[in-house]
Amino acid sequence: MVVTRYFGGIKLGFGGLSRAYRETAISAIEEAGTVEVFEEVRFRIRFGYPEIQKLKNLIEKYGRVEEEKYSDAVEFIFLVKKSFEEQFLEKLAKLTRNEVELEKL
């Protein structure tokens, strides 16, 4: 939002300017959305192709994948909410029987 006031030669006084700023500020606050902010932990995981779908599902349940690389193995760089880190690591260990390379970045 922008408030633009042009001087046309007649001084309108402080009241007109403050009213324009106030109305614009109220409008901006009413139109603004709410954003949830939380601390995240970044990981890199490397695994075989057969594991793609189950690991992607697990990661997306607790966070989000930022980057995917495919070569002789699959590598994801992903974020998990810090409050879910311990729970995620437990689920990951059970799901993969610790047969993946996991690195906290």
PDB file of N, CA and C in Angstrom:
ATOM      1  N   MET A   1       0.831  -1.165   0.000  1.00  0.00           N
ATOM      2  CA  MET A   1       0.000   0.000   0.000  1.00  0.00           C
ATOM      3  C   MET A   1       0.887   1.243   0.000  1.00  0.00           C
ATOM      4  N   VAL A   2       0.398   2.261  -0.655  1.00  0.00           N
ATOM      5  CA  VAL A   2       1.143   3.513  -0.751  1.00  0.00           C
ATOM      6  C   VAL A   2       0.187   4.671  -0.522  1.00  0.00           C
ATOM      7  N   VAL A   3       0.660   5.632   0.247  1.00  0.00           N
ATOM      8  CA  VAL A   3      -0.095   6.871   0.415  1.00  0.00           C
ATOM      9  C   VAL A   3       0.658   7.933  -0.359  1.00  0.00           C
ATOM     10  N   THR A   4      -0.024   8.570  -1.289  1.00  0.00           N
ATOM     11  CA  THR A   4       0.593   9.634  -2.073  1.00  0.00           C
ATOM     12  C   THR A   4      -0.232  10.900  -1.892  1.00  0.00           C
ATOM     13  N   ARG A   5       0.458  11.941  -1.494  1.00  0.00           N
ATOM     14  CA  ARG A   5      -0.222  13.236  -1.346  1.00  0.00           C
ATOM     15  C   ARG A   5       0.556  14.237  -2.188  1.00  0.00           C
ATOM     16  N   TYR A   6      -0.130  14.954  -3.038  1.00  0.00           N
ATOM     17  CA  TYR A   6       0.491  15.974  -3.867  1.00  0.00           C
ATOM     18  C   TYR A   6       0.119  17.345  -3.322  1.00  0.00           C
ATOM     19  N   PHE A   7       1.088  18.234  -3.318  1.00  0.00           N
ATOM     20  CA  PHE A   7       0.814  19.595  -2.870  1.00  0.00           C
ATOM     21  C   PHE A   7       0.290  20.390  -4.050  1.00  0.00           C
ATOM     22  N   GLY A   8      -0.927  20.851  -3.916  1.00  0.00           N
ATOM     23  CA  GLY A   8      -1.561  21.607  -4.997  1.00  0.00           C
ATOM     24  C   GLY A   8      -1.616  23.093  -4.737  1.00  0.00           C
ATOM     25  N   GLY A   9      -0.811  23.557  -3.793  1.00  0.00           N
ATOM     26  CA  GLY A   9      -0.776  24.986  -3.525  1.00  0.00           C
ATOM     27  C   GLY A   9      -1.608  25.392  -2.322  1.00  0.00           C
ATOM     28  N   ILE A  10      -2.490  24.518  -1.856  1.00  0.00           N
ATOM     29  CA  ILE A  10      -3.321  24.835  -0.693  1.00  0.00           C
ATOM     30  C   ILE A  10      -2.906  23.912   0.438  1.00  0.00           C
ATOM     31  N   LYS A  11      -2.562  24.511   1.568  1.00  0.00           N
ATOM     32  CA  LYS A  11      -2.151  23.708   2.714  1.00  0.00           C
ATOM     33  C   LYS A  11      -3.388  23.094   3.361  1.00  0.00           C
ATOM     34  N   LEU A  12      -3.401  21.744   3.420  1.00  0.00           N
ATOM     35  CA  LEU A  12      -4.553  21.049   3.987  1.00  0.00           C
ATOM     36  C   LEU A  12      -4.392  20.809   5.474  1.00  0.00           C
ATOM     37  N   GLY A  13      -3.205  20.971   5.969  1.00  0.00           N
ATOM     38  CA  GLY A  13      -2.969  20.783   7.393  1.00  0.00           C
ATOM     39  C   GLY A  13      -2.628  19.346   7.748  1.00  0.00           C
ATOM     40  N   PHE A  14      -2.302  19.170   8.999  1.00  0.00           N
ATOM     41  CA  PHE A  14      -1.869  17.873   9.509  1.00  0.00           C
ATOM     42  C   PHE A  14      -3.001  16.850   9.508  1.00  0.00           C
ATOM     43  N   GLY A  15      -4.216  17.262   9.735  1.00  0.00           N
ATOM     44  CA  GLY A  15      -5.356  16.349   9.844  1.00  0.00           C
ATOM     45  C   GLY A  15      -5.572  15.490   8.609  1.00  0.00           C
ATOM     46  N   GLY A  16      -5.514  16.081   7.419  1.00  0.00           N
ATOM     47  CA  GLY A  16      -5.712  15.333   6.179  1.00  0.00           C
ATOM     48  C   GLY A  16      -4.631  14.294   5.951  1.00  0.00           C
ATOM     49  N   LEU A  17      -3.394  14.668   6.230  1.00  0.00           N
ATOM     50  CA  LEU A  17      -2.271  13.751   6.055  1.00  0.00           C
ATOM     51  C   LEU A  17      -2.338  12.593   7.045  1.00  0.00           C
ATOM     52  N   SER A  18      -2.598  12.903   8.303  1.00  0.00           N
ATOM     53  CA  SER A  18      -2.663  11.838   9.305  1.00  0.00           C
ATOM     54  C   SER A  18      -3.840  10.910   9.039  1.00  0.00           C
ATOM     55  N   ARG A  19      -4.941  11.437   8.555  1.00  0.00           N
ATOM     56  CA  ARG A  19      -6.106  10.617   8.213  1.00  0.00           C
ATOM     57  C   ARG A  19      -5.762   9.654   7.071  1.00  0.00           C
ATOM     58  N   ALA A  20      -5.058  10.158   6.060  1.00  0.00           N
ATOM     59  CA  ALA A  20      -4.661   9.307   4.926  1.00  0.00           C
ATOM     60  C   ALA A  20      -3.726   8.192   5.397  1.00  0.00           C
ATOM     61  N   TYR A  21      -2.755   8.529   6.246  1.00  0.00           N
ATOM     62  CA  TYR A  21      -1.839   7.503   6.770  1.00  0.00           C
ATOM     63  C   TYR A  21      -2.586   6.489   7.628  1.00  0.00           C
ATOM     64  N   ARG A  22      -3.463   6.967   8.479  1.00  0.00           N
ATOM     65  CA  ARG A  22      -4.214   6.078   9.367  1.00  0.00           C
ATOM     66  C   ARG A  22      -5.071   5.109   8.567  1.00  0.00           C
ATOM     67  N   GLU A  23      -5.807   5.614   7.579  1.00  0.00           N
ATOM     68  CA  GLU A  23      -6.683   4.753   6.778  1.00  0.00           C
ATOM     69  C   GLU A  23      -5.881   3.713   5.997  1.00  0.00           C
ATOM     70  N   THR A  24      -4.728   4.116   5.487  1.00  0.00           N
ATOM     71  CA  THR A  24      -3.882   3.176   4.756  1.00  0.00           C
ATOM     72  C   THR A  24      -3.312   2.120   5.697  1.00  0.00           C
ATOM     73  N   ALA A  25      -2.886   2.524   6.871  1.00  0.00           N
ATOM     74  CA  ALA A  25      -2.349   1.564   7.845  1.00  0.00           C
ATOM     75  C   ALA A  25      -3.418   0.570   8.268  1.00  0.00           C
ATOM     76  N   ILE A  26      -4.623   1.030   8.538  1.00  0.00           N
ATOM     77  CA  ILE A  26      -5.727   0.141   8.925  1.00  0.00           C
ATOM     78  C   ILE A  26      -6.023  -0.841   7.796  1.00  0.00           C
ATOM     79  N   SER A  27      -6.064  -0.353   6.576  1.00  0.00           N
ATOM     80  CA  SER A  27      -6.333  -1.207   5.421  1.00  0.00           C
ATOM     81  C   SER A  27      -5.238  -2.264   5.246  1.00  0.00           C
ATOM     82  N   ALA A  28      -3.987  -1.866   5.404  1.00  0.00           N
ATOM     83  CA  ALA A  28      -2.868  -2.810   5.264  1.00  0.00           C
ATOM     84  C   ALA A  28      -2.930  -3.889   6.327  1.00  0.00           C
ATOM     85  N   ILE A  29      -3.247  -3.531   7.549  1.00  0.00           N
ATOM     86  CA  ILE A  29      -3.349  -4.505   8.645  1.00  0.00           C
ATOM     87  C   ILE A  29      -4.501  -5.471   8.391  1.00  0.00           C
ATOM     88  N   GLU A  30      -5.617  -4.956   7.927  1.00  0.00           N
ATOM     89  CA  GLU A  30      -6.777  -5.814   7.652  1.00  0.00           C
ATOM     90  C   GLU A  30      -6.499  -6.801   6.519  1.00  0.00           C
ATOM     91  N   GLU A  31      -5.724  -6.397   5.514  1.00  0.00           N
ATOM     92  CA  GLU A  31      -5.437  -7.258   4.370  1.00  0.00           C
ATOM     93  C   GLU A  31      -4.246  -8.185   4.584  1.00  0.00           C
ATOM     94  N   ALA A  32      -3.456  -7.905   5.601  1.00  0.00           N
ATOM     95  CA  ALA A  32      -2.265  -8.722   5.856  1.00  0.00           C
ATOM     96  C   ALA A  32      -2.673 -10.083   6.396  1.00  0.00           C
ATOM     97  N   GLY A  33      -1.958 -11.104   5.998  1.00  0.00           N
ATOM     98  CA  GLY A  33      -2.212 -12.445   6.505  1.00  0.00           C
ATOM     99  C   GLY A  33      -1.320 -12.743   7.691  1.00  0.00           C
ATOM    100  N   THR A  34      -1.539 -13.885   8.280  1.00  0.00           N
ATOM    101  CA  THR A  34      -0.733 -14.333   9.402  1.00  0.00           C
ATOM    102  C   THR A  34       0.293 -15.343   8.887  1.00  0.00           C
ATOM    103  N   VAL A  35       1.508 -15.210   9.319  1.00  0.00           N
ATOM    104  CA  VAL A  35       2.572 -16.120   8.921  1.00  0.00           C
ATOM    105  C   VAL A  35       3.095 -16.827  10.160  1.00  0.00           C
ATOM    106  N   GLU A  36       3.118 -18.144  10.105  1.00  0.00           N
ATOM    107  CA  GLU A  36       3.649 -18.923  11.219  1.00  0.00           C
ATOM    108  C   GLU A  36       5.166 -18.994  11.066  1.00  0.00           C
ATOM    109  N   VAL A  37       5.885 -18.646  12.114  1.00  0.00           N
ATOM    110  CA  VAL A  37       7.337 -18.678  12.105  1.00  0.00           C
ATOM    111  C   VAL A  37       7.796 -19.680  13.150  1.00  0.00           C
ATOM    112  N   PHE A  38       8.685 -20.575  12.736  1.00  0.00           N
ATOM    113  CA  PHE A  38       9.202 -21.573  13.668  1.00  0.00           C
ATOM    114  C   PHE A  38      10.630 -21.932  13.282  1.00  0.00           C
ATOM    115  N   GLU A  39      11.370 -22.453  14.241  1.00  0.00           N
ATOM    116  CA  GLU A  39      12.752 -22.841  14.013  1.00  0.00           C
ATOM    117  C   GLU A  39      12.793 -24.185  13.293  1.00  0.00           C
ATOM    118  N   GLU A  40      13.701 -24.309  12.329  1.00  0.00           N
ATOM    119  CA  GLU A  40      13.833 -25.544  11.567  1.00  0.00           C
ATOM    120  C   GLU A  40      15.261 -26.077  11.641  1.00  0.00           C
ATOM    121  N   VAL A  41      15.388 -27.380  11.400  1.00  0.00           N
ATOM    122  CA  VAL A  41      16.684 -28.046  11.370  1.00  0.00           C
ATOM    123  C   VAL A  41      16.872 -28.582   9.956  1.00  0.00           C
ATOM    124  N   ARG A  42      18.060 -28.379   9.393  1.00  0.00           N
ATOM    125  CA  ARG A  42      18.350 -28.811   8.014  1.00  0.00           C
ATOM    126  C   ARG A  42      19.138 -30.128   8.045  1.00  0.00           C
ATOM    127  N   PHE A  43      18.726 -31.052   7.167  1.00  0.00           N
ATOM    128  CA  PHE A  43      19.378 -32.349   7.054  1.00  0.00           C
ATOM    129  C   PHE A  43      19.704 -32.650   5.601  1.00  0.00           C
ATOM    130  N   ARG A  44      20.674 -33.554   5.408  1.00  0.00           N
ATOM    131  CA  ARG A  44      20.951 -34.157   4.110  1.00  0.00           C
ATOM    132  C   ARG A  44      20.830 -35.664   4.313  1.00  0.00           C
ATOM    133  N   ILE A  45      20.078 -36.318   3.445  1.00  0.00           N
ATOM    134  CA  ILE A  45      19.911 -37.767   3.541  1.00  0.00           C
ATOM    135  C   ILE A  45      20.245 -38.371   2.180  1.00  0.00           C
ATOM    136  N   ARG A  46      20.911 -39.511   2.198  1.00  0.00           N
ATOM    137  CA  ARG A  46      21.303 -40.207   0.975  1.00  0.00           C
ATOM    138  C   ARG A  46      20.829 -41.649   1.096  1.00  0.00           C
ATOM    139  N   PHE A  47      20.164 -42.141   0.048  1.00  0.00           N
ATOM    140  CA  PHE A  47      19.554 -43.470   0.117  1.00  0.00           C
ATOM    141  C   PHE A  47      19.348 -44.028  -1.289  1.00  0.00           C
ATOM    142  N   GLY A  48      18.908 -45.276  -1.367  1.00  0.00           N
ATOM    143  CA  GLY A  48      18.674 -45.940  -2.643  1.00  0.00           C
ATOM    144  C   GLY A  48      17.318 -45.604  -3.230  1.00  0.00           C
ATOM    145  N   TYR A  49      17.197 -45.813  -4.527  1.00  0.00           N
ATOM    146  CA  TYR A  49      15.964 -45.483  -5.250  1.00  0.00           C
ATOM    147  C   TYR A  49      14.702 -46.162  -4.713  1.00  0.00           C
ATOM    148  N   PRO A  50      14.761 -47.415  -4.265  1.00  0.00           N
ATOM    149  CA  PRO A  50      13.519 -48.054  -3.780  1.00  0.00           C
ATOM    150  C   PRO A  50      12.890 -47.350  -2.570  1.00  0.00           C
ATOM    151  N   GLU A  51      13.659 -46.533  -1.892  1.00  0.00           N
ATOM    152  CA  GLU A  51      13.186 -45.880  -0.664  1.00  0.00           C
ATOM    153  C   GLU A  51      12.558 -44.503  -0.916  1.00  0.00           C
ATOM    154  N   ILE A  52      12.557 -44.038  -2.144  1.00  0.00           N
ATOM    155  CA  ILE A  52      12.153 -42.655  -2.435  1.00  0.00           C
ATOM    156  C   ILE A  52      10.793 -42.296  -1.842  1.00  0.00           C
ATOM    157  N   GLN A  53       9.769 -43.043  -2.195  1.00  0.00           N
ATOM    158  CA  GLN A  53       8.413 -42.627  -1.825  1.00  0.00           C
ATOM    159  C   GLN A  53       8.185 -42.645  -0.317  1.00  0.00           C
ATOM    160  N   LYS A  54       8.637 -43.701   0.356  1.00  0.00           N
ATOM    161  CA  LYS A  54       8.377 -43.745   1.801  1.00  0.00           C
ATOM    162  C   LYS A  54       9.165 -42.674   2.555  1.00  0.00           C
ATOM    163  N   LEU A  55      10.383 -42.366   2.098  1.00  0.00           N
ATOM    164  CA  LEU A  55      11.148 -41.307   2.767  1.00  0.00           C
ATOM    165  C   LEU A  55      10.583 -39.926   2.452  1.00  0.00           C
ATOM    166  N   LYS A  56      10.160 -39.719   1.216  1.00  0.00           N
ATOM    167  CA  LYS A  56       9.571 -38.431   0.861  1.00  0.00           C
ATOM    168  C   LYS A  56       8.290 -38.196   1.662  1.00  0.00           C
ATOM    169  N   ASN A  57       7.471 -39.229   1.820  1.00  0.00           N
ATOM    170  CA  ASN A  57       6.246 -39.110   2.619  1.00  0.00           C
ATOM    171  C   ASN A  57       6.565 -38.761   4.070  1.00  0.00           C
ATOM    172  N   LEU A  58       7.566 -39.427   4.642  1.00  0.00           N
ATOM    173  CA  LEU A  58       7.945 -39.162   6.034  1.00  0.00           C
ATOM    174  C   LEU A  58       8.449 -37.730   6.193  1.00  0.00           C
ATOM    175  N   ILE A  59       9.331 -37.317   5.297  1.00  0.00           N
ATOM    176  CA  ILE A  59       9.879 -35.960   5.378  1.00  0.00           C
ATOM    177  C   ILE A  59       8.767 -34.923   5.262  1.00  0.00           C
ATOM    178  N   GLU A  60       7.848 -35.126   4.326  1.00  0.00           N
ATOM    179  CA  GLU A  60       6.768 -34.149   4.134  1.00  0.00           C
ATOM    180  C   GLU A  60       5.770 -34.140   5.286  1.00  0.00           C
ATOM    181  N   LYS A  61       5.742 -35.215   6.064  1.00  0.00           N
ATOM    182  CA  LYS A  61       4.884 -35.241   7.253  1.00  0.00           C
ATOM    183  C   LYS A  61       5.461 -34.341   8.354  1.00  0.00           C
ATOM    184  N   TYR A  62       6.788 -34.265   8.425  1.00  0.00           N
ATOM    185  CA  TYR A  62       7.443 -33.510   9.500  1.00  0.00           C
ATOM    186  C   TYR A  62       8.124 -32.226   9.020  1.00  0.00           C
ATOM    187  N   GLY A  63       8.210 -32.018   7.721  1.00  0.00           N
ATOM    188  CA  GLY A  63       8.908 -30.838   7.213  1.00  0.00           C
ATOM    189  C   GLY A  63       8.709 -30.690   5.725  1.00  0.00           C
ATOM    190  N   ARG A  64       9.787 -30.292   5.040  1.00  0.00           N
ATOM    191  CA  ARG A  64       9.684 -30.092   3.600  1.00  0.00           C
ATOM    192  C   ARG A  64      11.031 -30.322   2.928  1.00  0.00           C
ATOM    193  N   VAL A  65      10.975 -30.873   1.728  1.00  0.00           N
ATOM    194  CA  VAL A  65      12.174 -31.115   0.929  1.00  0.00           C
ATOM    195  C   VAL A  65      12.544 -29.825   0.220  1.00  0.00           C
ATOM    196  N   GLU A  66      13.794 -29.415   0.343  1.00  0.00           N
ATOM    197  CA  GLU A  66      14.281 -28.211  -0.330  1.00  0.00           C
ATOM    198  C   GLU A  66      14.950 -28.535  -1.652  1.00  0.00           C
ATOM    199  N   GLU A  67      15.675 -29.646  -1.690  1.00  0.00           N
ATOM    200  CA  GLU A  67      16.480 -29.965  -2.866  1.00  0.00           C
ATOM    201  C   GLU A  67      16.519 -31.469  -3.053  1.00  0.00           C
ATOM    202  N   GLU A  68      16.469 -31.909  -4.304  1.00  0.00           N
ATOM    203  CA  GLU A  68      16.547 -33.332  -4.627  1.00  0.00           C
ATOM    204  C   GLU A  68      17.645 -33.530  -5.662  1.00  0.00           C
ATOM    205  N   LYS A  69      18.496 -34.543  -5.448  1.00  0.00           N
ATOM    206  CA  LYS A  69      19.554 -34.879  -6.408  1.00  0.00           C
ATOM    207  C   LYS A  69      19.476 -36.374  -6.689  1.00  0.00           C
ATOM    208  N   TYR A  70      19.591 -36.715  -7.965  1.00  0.00           N
ATOM    209  CA  TYR A  70      19.515 -38.109  -8.374  1.00  0.00           C
ATOM    210  C   TYR A  70      20.779 -38.476  -9.144  1.00  0.00           C
ATOM    211  N   SER A  71      21.478 -39.484  -8.665  1.00  0.00           N
ATOM    212  CA  SER A  71      22.660 -40.013  -9.358  1.00  0.00           C
ATOM    213  C   SER A  71      22.679 -41.514  -9.077  1.00  0.00           C
ATOM    214  N   ASP A  72      23.804 -42.051  -8.616  1.00  0.00           N
ATOM    215  CA  ASP A  72      23.829 -43.467  -8.251  1.00  0.00           C
ATOM    216  C   ASP A  72      22.954 -43.736  -7.032  1.00  0.00           C
ATOM    217  N   ALA A  73      22.669 -42.691  -6.273  1.00  0.00           N
ATOM    218  CA  ALA A  73      21.762 -42.746  -5.118  1.00  0.00           C
ATOM    219  C   ALA A  73      20.922 -41.470  -5.137  1.00  0.00           C
ATOM    220  N   VAL A  74      19.951 -41.409  -4.249  1.00  0.00           N
ATOM    221  CA  VAL A  74      19.093 -40.232  -4.133  1.00  0.00           C
ATOM    222  C   VAL A  74      19.558 -39.423  -2.932  1.00  0.00           C
ATOM    223  N   GLU A  75      19.571 -38.125  -3.091  1.00  0.00           N
ATOM    224  CA  GLU A  75      19.954 -37.249  -1.986  1.00  0.00           C
ATOM    225  C   GLU A  75      18.907 -36.147  -1.849  1.00  0.00           C
ATOM    226  N   PHE A  76      18.404 -35.987  -0.640  1.00  0.00           N
ATOM    227  CA  PHE A  76      17.467 -34.910  -0.330  1.00  0.00           C
ATOM    228  C   PHE A  76      18.120 -33.994   0.685  1.00  0.00           C
ATOM    229  N   ILE A  77      17.934 -32.713   0.501  1.00  0.00           N
ATOM    230  CA  ILE A  77      18.231 -31.737   1.544  1.00  0.00           C
ATOM    231  C   ILE A  77      16.869 -31.239   1.980  1.00  0.00           C
ATOM    232  N   PHE A  78      16.617 -31.308   3.281  1.00  0.00           N
ATOM    233  CA  PHE A  78      15.271 -30.999   3.760  1.00  0.00           C
ATOM    234  C   PHE A  78      15.302 -30.336   5.118  1.00  0.00           C
ATOM    235  N   LEU A  79      14.174 -29.739   5.470  1.00  0.00           N
ATOM    236  CA  LEU A  79      14.003 -29.050   6.747  1.00  0.00           C
ATOM    237  C   LEU A  79      12.917 -29.737   7.558  1.00  0.00           C
ATOM    238  N   VAL A  80      13.150 -29.828   8.862  1.00  0.00           N
ATOM    239  CA  VAL A  80      12.179 -30.379   9.801  1.00  0.00           C
ATOM    240  C   VAL A  80      12.004 -29.353  10.917  1.00  0.00           C
ATOM    241  N   LYS A  81      10.774 -29.144  11.353  1.00  0.00           N
ATOM    242  CA  LYS A  81      10.549 -28.248  12.484  1.00  0.00           C
ATOM    243  C   LYS A  81      11.342 -28.764  13.679  1.00  0.00           C
ATOM    244  N   LYS A  82      12.040 -27.870  14.349  1.00  0.00           N
ATOM    245  CA  LYS A  82      12.889 -28.261  15.479  1.00  0.00           C
ATOM    246  C   LYS A  82      12.085 -29.003  16.546  1.00  0.00           C
ATOM    247  N   SER A  83      10.847 -28.615  16.752  1.00  0.00           N
ATOM    248  CA  SER A  83      10.020 -29.268  17.773  1.00  0.00           C
ATOM    249  C   SER A  83       9.687 -30.709  17.395  1.00  0.00           C
ATOM    250  N   PHE A  84       9.809 -31.078  16.115  1.00  0.00           N
ATOM    251  CA  PHE A  84       9.530 -32.442  15.659  1.00  0.00           C
ATOM    252  C   PHE A  84      10.793 -33.257  15.396  1.00  0.00           C
ATOM    253  N   GLU A  85      11.964 -32.677  15.612  1.00  0.00           N
ATOM    254  CA  GLU A  85      13.226 -33.324  15.242  1.00  0.00           C
ATOM    255  C   GLU A  85      13.384 -34.709  15.877  1.00  0.00           C
ATOM    256  N   GLU A  86      13.205 -34.807  17.169  1.00  0.00           N
ATOM    257  CA  GLU A  86      13.399 -36.083  17.865  1.00  0.00           C
ATOM    258  C   GLU A  86      12.408 -37.137  17.371  1.00  0.00           C
ATOM    259  N   GLN A  87      11.161 -36.760  17.245  1.00  0.00           N
ATOM    260  CA  GLN A  87      10.125 -37.673  16.768  1.00  0.00           C
ATOM    261  C   GLN A  87      10.421 -38.120  15.328  1.00  0.00           C
ATOM    262  N   PHE A  88      10.852 -37.191  14.489  1.00  0.00           N
ATOM    263  CA  PHE A  88      11.204 -37.524  13.108  1.00  0.00           C
ATOM    264  C   PHE A  88      12.351 -38.531  13.068  1.00  0.00           C
ATOM    265  N   LEU A  89      13.407 -38.285  13.853  1.00  0.00           N
ATOM    266  CA  LEU A  89      14.571 -39.173  13.840  1.00  0.00           C
ATOM    267  C   LEU A  89      14.208 -40.582  14.309  1.00  0.00           C
ATOM    268  N   GLU A  90      13.319 -40.697  15.283  1.00  0.00           N
ATOM    269  CA  GLU A  90      12.857 -42.013  15.738  1.00  0.00           C
ATOM    270  C   GLU A  90      12.115 -42.745  14.627  1.00  0.00           C
ATOM    271  N   LYS A  91      11.209 -42.050  13.951  1.00  0.00           N
ATOM    272  CA  LYS A  91      10.441 -42.646  12.852  1.00  0.00           C
ATOM    273  C   LYS A  91      11.373 -43.040  11.699  1.00  0.00           C
ATOM    274  N   LEU A  92      12.335 -42.200  11.409  1.00  0.00           N
ATOM    275  CA  LEU A  92      13.286 -42.480  10.339  1.00  0.00           C
ATOM    276  C   LEU A  92      14.107 -43.733  10.650  1.00  0.00           C
ATOM    277  N   ALA A  93      14.573 -43.849  11.882  1.00  0.00           N
ATOM    278  CA  ALA A  93      15.361 -45.021  12.275  1.00  0.00           C
ATOM    279  C   ALA A  93      14.538 -46.304  12.143  1.00  0.00           C
ATOM    280  N   LYS A  94      13.276 -46.262  12.556  1.00  0.00           N
ATOM    281  CA  LYS A  94      12.412 -47.442  12.437  1.00  0.00           C
ATOM    282  C   LYS A  94      12.129 -47.780  10.975  1.00  0.00           C
ATOM    283  N   LEU A  95      11.869 -46.768  10.180  1.00  0.00           N
ATOM    284  CA  LEU A  95      11.501 -46.961   8.778  1.00  0.00           C
ATOM    285  C   LEU A  95      12.653 -47.509   7.947  1.00  0.00           C
ATOM    286  N   THR A  96      13.859 -47.051   8.225  1.00  0.00           N
ATOM    287  CA  THR A  96      15.014 -47.405   7.389  1.00  0.00           C
ATOM    288  C   THR A  96      15.977 -48.380   8.063  1.00  0.00           C
ATOM    289  N   ARG A  97      15.730 -48.718   9.311  1.00  0.00           N
ATOM    290  CA  ARG A  97      16.637 -49.560  10.093  1.00  0.00           C
ATOM    291  C   ARG A  97      18.071 -49.010  10.032  1.00  0.00           C
ATOM    292  N   ASN A  98      18.169 -47.683  10.042  1.00  0.00           N
ATOM    293  CA  ASN A  98      19.439 -46.956  10.019  1.00  0.00           C
ATOM    294  C   ASN A  98      20.309 -47.299   8.816  1.00  0.00           C
ATOM    295  N   GLU A  99      19.675 -47.609   7.680  1.00  0.00           N
ATOM    296  CA  GLU A  99      20.424 -47.963   6.465  1.00  0.00           C
ATOM    297  C   GLU A  99      20.473 -46.796   5.473  1.00  0.00           C
ATOM    298  N   VAL A 100      20.469 -45.591   5.960  1.00  0.00           N
ATOM    299  CA  VAL A 100      20.590 -44.405   5.135  1.00  0.00           C
ATOM    300  C   VAL A 100      21.728 -43.556   5.692  1.00  0.00           C
ATOM    301  N   GLU A 101      22.265 -42.683   4.854  1.00  0.00           N
ATOM    302  CA  GLU A 101      23.265 -41.736   5.323  1.00  0.00           C
ATOM    303  C   GLU A 101      22.533 -40.442   5.672  1.00  0.00           C
ATOM    304  N   LEU A 102      22.607 -40.042   6.925  1.00  0.00           N
ATOM    305  CA  LEU A 102      21.925 -38.835   7.381  1.00  0.00           C
ATOM    306  C   LEU A 102      22.942 -37.894   7.989  1.00  0.00           C
ATOM    307  N   GLU A 103      22.861 -36.649   7.588  1.00  0.00           N
ATOM    308  CA  GLU A 103      23.785 -35.643   8.091  1.00  0.00           C
ATOM    309  C   GLU A 103      22.987 -34.398   8.473  1.00  0.00           C
ATOM    310  N   LYS A 104      23.237 -33.898   9.667  1.00  0.00           N
ATOM    311  CA  LYS A 104      22.621 -32.646  10.108  1.00  0.00           C
ATOM    312  C   LYS A 104      23.485 -31.503   9.613  1.00  0.00           C
ATOM    313  N   LEU A 105      22.892 -30.573   8.909  1.00  0.00           N
ATOM    314  CA  LEU A 105      23.655 -29.460   8.329  1.00  0.00           C
ATOM    315  C   LEU A 105      23.610 -28.217   9.206  1.00  0.00           C
TER     316      LEU A 105
END
